[in-house]
Amino acid sequence: MDTINKYIAVDYQLYIVEDGKPHLIEKTNADKPFVFISGLGMTIEGFEKVVEPLEKGGEFDFILSPEEAYGAYNDERVVNLSKEIFSINGHFDHDNIYIDAVVPLQNEDGNRFLGRVVAINDDDVRIDLNHPLAGKELNFKGKVVETREATNDELQSMLAHMSGEGCGCDDCQGDCGSKHEKEGGCGCGCGHCH
């Protein structure tokens, strides 16, 4: 039996649970829901497992442990990188490299990822490569705005986005990366530009 990839749009609030108390850290709205296609590994597996079987209008309220979400916080993923990496024409890039800045990085294999600047020293920059929500217990609350079988065009668009060819929403014409930098996202509500 073939797996059906579902086009799912959800309006949700995400809380981190610390000391038994929830703290709101992210929310969408029904006009600009979070959109994903099931079965492509686009979301946390535990999130998809709960949301995928729900019908339109179905509500959810569940907690994922750190292991079910972004894993445990790993001190070994905090590294010191030479300041030279962050220099342009021999000058350190003070405009973009500052405490708490999230910076795009790339390893020798060409894999891209984000790191957060935690310290700037005389010779190096300390970067935290853990996911920002690593080690956190997450509480998702919300409802399904839309759920149906994904079309071939939607699948192709989403796969193009996942391979770095843009989000496929048509609003940003595949240029959501530069729109994200300039405008905080293309504003289309595709769920992939933020």
C-alpha atoms as a PDB file:
ATOM      1  CA  MET A   1       0.000   0.000   0.000  1.00  0.00           C
ATOM      2  CA  ASP A   2       1.359   3.436  -0.972  1.00  0.00           C
ATOM      3  CA  THR A   3       1.874   6.063   1.694  1.00  0.00           C
ATOM      4  CA  ILE A   4      -0.352   9.099   1.264  1.00  0.00           C
ATOM      5  CA  ASN A   5       1.485  12.385   1.742  1.00  0.00           C
ATOM      6  CA  LYS A   6      -0.898  14.831   3.363  1.00  0.00           C
ATOM      7  CA  TYR A   7      -0.862  18.606   2.957  1.00  0.00           C
ATOM      8  CA  ILE A   8      -1.420  19.806   6.527  1.00  0.00           C
ATOM      9  CA  ALA A   9      -1.852  23.366   7.802  1.00  0.00           C
ATOM     10  CA  VAL A  10      -1.962  23.994  11.538  1.00  0.00           C
ATOM     11  CA  ASP A  11      -2.547  27.043  13.700  1.00  0.00           C
ATOM     12  CA  TYR A  12      -0.560  26.450  16.877  1.00  0.00           C
ATOM     13  CA  GLN A  13       1.172  27.852  19.927  1.00  0.00           C
ATOM     14  CA  LEU A  14       4.475  26.396  21.101  1.00  0.00           C
ATOM     15  CA  TYR A  15       5.397  26.569  24.761  1.00  0.00           C
ATOM     16  CA  ILE A  16       8.645  25.544  26.474  1.00  0.00           C
ATOM     17  CA  VAL A  17       7.899  23.862  29.769  1.00  0.00           C
ATOM     18  CA  GLU A  18      10.379  24.986  32.446  1.00  0.00           C
ATOM     19  CA  ASP A  19       9.959  24.273  36.146  1.00  0.00           C
ATOM     20  CA  GLY A  20       6.521  22.866  35.344  1.00  0.00           C
ATOM     21  CA  LYS A  21       5.357  26.173  33.832  1.00  0.00           C
ATOM     22  CA  PRO A  22       4.693  26.817  30.132  1.00  0.00           C
ATOM     23  CA  HIS A  23       6.306  29.839  28.433  1.00  0.00           C
ATOM     24  CA  LEU A  24       4.973  30.846  24.989  1.00  0.00           C
ATOM     25  CA  ILE A  25       7.827  31.081  22.473  1.00  0.00           C
ATOM     26  CA  GLU A  26       6.129  30.829  19.071  1.00  0.00           C
ATOM     27  CA  LYS A  27       2.678  31.065  17.570  1.00  0.00           C
ATOM     28  CA  THR A  28       1.029  31.107  14.186  1.00  0.00           C
ATOM     29  CA  ASN A  29      -2.450  32.226  13.247  1.00  0.00           C
ATOM     30  CA  ALA A  30      -5.171  30.836  11.013  1.00  0.00           C
ATOM     31  CA  ASP A  31      -4.309  33.366   8.252  1.00  0.00           C
ATOM     32  CA  LYS A  32      -0.665  32.250   8.154  1.00  0.00           C
ATOM     33  CA  PRO A  33      -0.593  28.697   9.499  1.00  0.00           C
ATOM     34  CA  PHE A  34       2.396  26.374   9.601  1.00  0.00           C
ATOM     35  CA  VAL A  35       2.199  24.184   6.486  1.00  0.00           C
ATOM     36  CA  PHE A  36       3.941  20.870   5.932  1.00  0.00           C
ATOM     37  CA  ILE A  37       3.564  17.672   3.933  1.00  0.00           C
ATOM     38  CA  SER A  38       3.544  14.487   5.955  1.00  0.00           C
ATOM     39  CA  GLY A  39       6.023  11.726   5.300  1.00  0.00           C
ATOM     40  CA  LEU A  40       8.862  14.011   4.161  1.00  0.00           C
ATOM     41  CA  GLY A  41      10.577  14.464   7.523  1.00  0.00           C
ATOM     42  CA  MET A  42       9.808  18.198   7.580  1.00  0.00           C
ATOM     43  CA  THR A  43       8.658  18.331  11.183  1.00  0.00           C
ATOM     44  CA  ILE A  44       9.549  16.698  14.471  1.00  0.00           C
ATOM     45  CA  GLU A  45       8.463  13.078  14.175  1.00  0.00           C
ATOM     46  CA  GLY A  46       6.463  13.228  17.422  1.00  0.00           C
ATOM     47  CA  PHE A  47       4.613  16.355  16.217  1.00  0.00           C
ATOM     48  CA  GLU A  48       3.679  14.752  12.900  1.00  0.00           C
ATOM     49  CA  LYS A  49       2.631  11.508  14.591  1.00  0.00           C
ATOM     50  CA  VAL A  50       0.026  13.359  16.693  1.00  0.00           C
ATOM     51  CA  VAL A  51      -1.190  15.861  14.064  1.00  0.00           C
ATOM     52  CA  GLU A  52      -1.233  13.736  10.872  1.00  0.00           C
ATOM     53  CA  PRO A  53      -4.285  11.570  11.769  1.00  0.00           C
ATOM     54  CA  LEU A  54      -6.426  14.565  12.858  1.00  0.00           C
ATOM     55  CA  GLU A  55      -9.271  15.877  10.699  1.00  0.00           C
ATOM     56  CA  LYS A  56      -9.788  19.528   9.738  1.00  0.00           C
ATOM     57  CA  GLY A  57     -10.771  21.421  12.901  1.00  0.00           C
ATOM     58  CA  GLY A  58      -9.179  18.776  15.108  1.00  0.00           C
ATOM     59  CA  GLU A  59      -7.540  20.225  18.202  1.00  0.00           C
ATOM     60  CA  PHE A  60      -4.332  19.102  19.866  1.00  0.00           C
ATOM     61  CA  ASP A  61      -2.483  19.729  23.122  1.00  0.00           C
ATOM     62  CA  PHE A  62       0.525  17.495  23.746  1.00  0.00           C
ATOM     63  CA  ILE A  63       3.996  17.558  25.269  1.00  0.00           C
ATOM     64  CA  LEU A  64       7.176  16.196  23.697  1.00  0.00           C
ATOM     65  CA  SER A  65      10.172  15.334  25.864  1.00  0.00           C
ATOM     66  CA  PRO A  66      13.586  16.668  24.761  1.00  0.00           C
ATOM     67  CA  GLU A  67      14.375  13.206  23.346  1.00  0.00           C
ATOM     68  CA  GLU A  68      11.154  13.275  21.277  1.00  0.00           C
ATOM     69  CA  ALA A  69      11.834  16.850  20.137  1.00  0.00           C
ATOM     70  CA  TYR A  70      15.331  18.272  19.448  1.00  0.00           C
ATOM     71  CA  GLY A  71      17.373  15.999  21.696  1.00  0.00           C
ATOM     72  CA  ALA A  72      19.409  16.677  24.790  1.00  0.00           C
ATOM     73  CA  TYR A  73      21.606  19.745  25.044  1.00  0.00           C
ATOM     74  CA  ASN A  74      25.175  18.695  24.215  1.00  0.00           C
ATOM     75  CA  ASP A  75      28.067  20.761  25.618  1.00  0.00           C
ATOM     76  CA  GLU A  76      30.361  19.288  22.946  1.00  0.00           C
ATOM     77  CA  ARG A  77      28.357  21.174  20.313  1.00  0.00           C
ATOM     78  CA  VAL A  78      29.637  24.497  21.670  1.00  0.00           C
ATOM     79  CA  VAL A  79      32.846  25.235  19.763  1.00  0.00           C
ATOM     80  CA  ASN A  80      35.433  27.959  19.347  1.00  0.00           C
ATOM     81  CA  LEU A  81      36.045  29.093  15.760  1.00  0.00           C
ATOM     82  CA  SER A  82      38.821  31.379  14.602  1.00  0.00           C
ATOM     83  CA  LYS A  83      37.846  35.023  14.184  1.00  0.00           C
ATOM     84  CA  GLU A  84      39.350  34.841  10.684  1.00  0.00           C
ATOM     85  CA  ILE A  85      36.319  32.810   9.571  1.00  0.00           C
ATOM     86  CA  PHE A  86      34.158  35.838  10.330  1.00  0.00           C
ATOM     87  CA  SER A  87      36.380  38.433   8.661  1.00  0.00           C
ATOM     88  CA  ILE A  88      35.731  40.309   5.438  1.00  0.00           C
ATOM     89  CA  ASN A  89      38.731  41.812   3.668  1.00  0.00           C
ATOM     90  CA  GLY A  90      40.810  41.237   6.788  1.00  0.00           C
ATOM     91  CA  HIS A  91      38.356  42.954   9.158  1.00  0.00           C
ATOM     92  CA  PHE A  92      36.149  41.197  11.709  1.00  0.00           C
ATOM     93  CA  ASP A  93      32.440  41.444  10.753  1.00  0.00           C
ATOM     94  CA  HIS A  94      31.106  43.328  13.822  1.00  0.00           C
ATOM     95  CA  ASP A  95      27.846  44.155  12.018  1.00  0.00           C
ATOM     96  CA  ASN A  96      26.748  40.515  11.757  1.00  0.00           C
ATOM     97  CA  ILE A  97      28.758  38.718  14.450  1.00  0.00           C
ATOM     98  CA  TYR A  98      27.615  39.723  17.937  1.00  0.00           C
ATOM     99  CA  ILE A  99      26.364  37.963  21.063  1.00  0.00           C
ATOM    100  CA  ASP A 100      23.149  35.971  20.342  1.00  0.00           C
ATOM    101  CA  ALA A 101      23.431  36.469  16.566  1.00  0.00           C
ATOM    102  CA  VAL A 102      22.365  33.382  14.631  1.00  0.00           C
ATOM    103  CA  VAL A 103      24.809  32.856  11.793  1.00  0.00           C
ATOM    104  CA  PRO A 104      24.801  30.499   8.814  1.00  0.00           C
ATOM    105  CA  LEU A 105      27.767  28.135   8.727  1.00  0.00           C
ATOM    106  CA  GLN A 106      29.016  25.431   6.390  1.00  0.00           C
ATOM    107  CA  ASN A 107      31.322  22.478   7.092  1.00  0.00           C
ATOM    108  CA  GLU A 108      33.959  20.873   4.853  1.00  0.00           C
ATOM    109  CA  ASP A 109      31.327  18.553   3.338  1.00  0.00           C
ATOM    110  CA  GLY A 110      29.177  21.503   2.215  1.00  0.00           C
ATOM    111  CA  ASN A 111      26.465  20.886   4.842  1.00  0.00           C
ATOM    112  CA  ARG A 112      24.793  24.111   5.962  1.00  0.00           C
ATOM    113  CA  PHE A 113      23.590  24.778   9.483  1.00  0.00           C
ATOM    114  CA  LEU A 114      23.039  27.604  11.950  1.00  0.00           C
ATOM    115  CA  GLY A 115      24.989  28.494  15.059  1.00  0.00           C
ATOM    116  CA  ARG A 116      24.379  31.050  17.803  1.00  0.00           C
ATOM    117  CA  VAL A 117      27.204  33.351  18.911  1.00  0.00           C
ATOM    118  CA  VAL A 118      27.681  32.992  22.671  1.00  0.00           C
ATOM    119  CA  ALA A 119      31.024  34.794  23.136  1.00  0.00           C
ATOM    120  CA  ILE A 120      33.528  36.850  21.167  1.00  0.00           C
ATOM    121  CA  ASN A 121      37.090  36.541  22.430  1.00  0.00           C
ATOM    122  CA  ASP A 122      40.384  38.085  21.280  1.00  0.00           C
ATOM    123  CA  ASP A 123      41.176  35.284  18.822  1.00  0.00           C
ATOM    124  CA  ASP A 124      37.988  33.270  18.422  1.00  0.00           C
ATOM    125  CA  VAL A 125      34.205  33.239  18.432  1.00  0.00           C
ATOM    126  CA  ARG A 126      32.326  30.752  20.628  1.00  0.00           C
ATOM    127  CA  ILE A 127      29.428  29.227  18.719  1.00  0.00           C
ATOM    128  CA  ASP A 128      26.591  27.061  20.083  1.00  0.00           C
ATOM    129  CA  LEU A 129      25.610  24.520  17.426  1.00  0.00           C
ATOM    130  CA  ASN A 130      22.809  22.959  19.476  1.00  0.00           C
ATOM    131  CA  HIS A 131      19.290  23.507  18.198  1.00  0.00           C
ATOM    132  CA  PRO A 132      17.834  26.466  20.166  1.00  0.00           C
ATOM    133  CA  LEU A 133      15.239  24.097  21.641  1.00  0.00           C
ATOM    134  CA  ALA A 134      17.640  21.253  22.481  1.00  0.00           C
ATOM    135  CA  GLY A 135      17.074  19.982  26.012  1.00  0.00           C
ATOM    136  CA  LYS A 136      13.639  21.601  26.193  1.00  0.00           C
ATOM    137  CA  GLU A 137      10.280  19.987  26.880  1.00  0.00           C
ATOM    138  CA  LEU A 138       7.830  21.306  24.265  1.00  0.00           C
ATOM    139  CA  ASN A 139       4.072  21.773  24.575  1.00  0.00           C
ATOM    140  CA  PHE A 140       2.166  22.208  21.294  1.00  0.00           C
ATOM    141  CA  LYS A 141      -1.423  23.490  21.401  1.00  0.00           C
ATOM    142  CA  GLY A 142      -3.566  24.264  18.407  1.00  0.00           C
ATOM    143  CA  LYS A 143      -5.833  22.982  15.683  1.00  0.00           C
ATOM    144  CA  VAL A 144      -5.725  21.673  12.159  1.00  0.00           C
ATOM    145  CA  VAL A 145      -6.749  24.364   9.659  1.00  0.00           C
ATOM    146  CA  GLU A 146      -6.530  22.116   6.600  1.00  0.00           C
ATOM    147  CA  THR A 147      -5.679  18.497   5.880  1.00  0.00           C
ATOM    148  CA  ARG A 148      -5.943  16.636   2.592  1.00  0.00           C
ATOM    149  CA  GLU A 149      -3.910  14.559   0.196  1.00  0.00           C
ATOM    150  CA  ALA A 150      -1.015  16.610  -1.189  1.00  0.00           C
ATOM    151  CA  THR A 151      -1.017  17.253  -4.925  1.00  0.00           C
ATOM    152  CA  ASN A 152       1.975  16.320  -7.088  1.00  0.00           C
ATOM    153  CA  ASP A 153       2.715  20.035  -7.592  1.00  0.00           C
ATOM    154  CA  GLU A 154       2.749  20.613  -3.825  1.00  0.00           C
ATOM    155  CA  LEU A 155       5.062  17.639  -3.331  1.00  0.00           C
ATOM    156  CA  GLN A 156       7.434  18.891  -6.038  1.00  0.00           C
ATOM    157  CA  SER A 157       7.379  22.418  -4.593  1.00  0.00           C
ATOM    158  CA  MET A 158       8.107  21.166  -1.101  1.00  0.00           C
ATOM    159  CA  LEU A 159      10.908  18.882  -2.289  1.00  0.00           C
ATOM    160  CA  ALA A 160      12.428  21.808  -4.222  1.00  0.00           C
ATOM    161  CA  HIS A 161      12.314  23.904  -1.060  1.00  0.00           C
ATOM    162  CA  MET A 162      13.911  21.128   1.001  1.00  0.00           C
ATOM    163  CA  SER A 163      16.749  20.842  -1.518  1.00  0.00           C
ATOM    164  CA  GLY A 164      17.447  24.580  -1.222  1.00  0.00           C
ATOM    165  CA  GLU A 165      15.670  25.768  -4.345  1.00  0.00           C
ATOM    166  CA  GLY A 166      13.257  28.133  -2.564  1.00  0.00           C
ATOM    167  CA  CYS A 167      10.009  27.538  -0.729  1.00  0.00           C
ATOM    168  CA  GLY A 168       7.811  26.999  -3.768  1.00  0.00           C
ATOM    169  CA  CYS A 169       5.065  29.301  -2.467  1.00  0.00           C
ATOM    170  CA  ASP A 170       5.166  31.559  -5.560  1.00  0.00           C
ATOM    171  CA  ASP A 171       5.014  34.678  -3.373  1.00  0.00           C
ATOM    172  CA  CYS A 172       8.786  34.954  -3.206  1.00  0.00           C
ATOM    173  CA  GLN A 173       9.506  33.272  -6.556  1.00  0.00           C
ATOM    174  CA  GLY A 174      11.908  30.863  -4.847  1.00  0.00           C
ATOM    175  CA  ASP A 175      13.905  33.712  -3.306  1.00  0.00           C
ATOM    176  CA  CYS A 176      12.730  33.395   0.292  1.00  0.00           C
ATOM    177  CA  GLY A 177      16.327  33.267   1.545  1.00  0.00           C
ATOM    178  CA  SER A 178      17.135  36.810   0.518  1.00  0.00           C
ATOM    179  CA  LYS A 179      13.633  38.007   1.386  1.00  0.00           C
ATOM    180  CA  HIS A 180      14.091  36.463   4.818  1.00  0.00           C
ATOM    181  CA  GLU A 181      17.266  38.464   5.357  1.00  0.00           C
ATOM    182  CA  LYS A 182      15.758  41.731   4.109  1.00  0.00           C
ATOM    183  CA  GLU A 183      12.117  41.535   5.167  1.00  0.00           C
ATOM    184  CA  GLY A 184      11.848  38.791   7.789  1.00  0.00           C
ATOM    185  CA  GLY A 185      10.368  36.269   5.332  1.00  0.00           C
ATOM    186  CA  CYS A 186       8.364  36.462   2.168  1.00  0.00           C
ATOM    187  CA  GLY A 187       5.140  36.904   4.141  1.00  0.00           C
ATOM    188  CA  CYS A 188       3.267  34.277   2.173  1.00  0.00           C
ATOM    189  CA  GLY A 189       2.362  32.052   5.103  1.00  0.00           C
ATOM    190  CA  CYS A 190       3.980  29.052   3.427  1.00  0.00           C
ATOM    191  CA  GLY A 191       5.631  28.184   6.721  1.00  0.00           C
ATOM    192  CA  HIS A 192       9.098  27.853   5.243  1.00  0.00           C
ATOM    193  CA  CYS A 193      10.592  31.320   5.238  1.00  0.00           C
ATOM    194  CA  HIS A 194      10.971  31.886   8.969  1.00  0.00           C
END
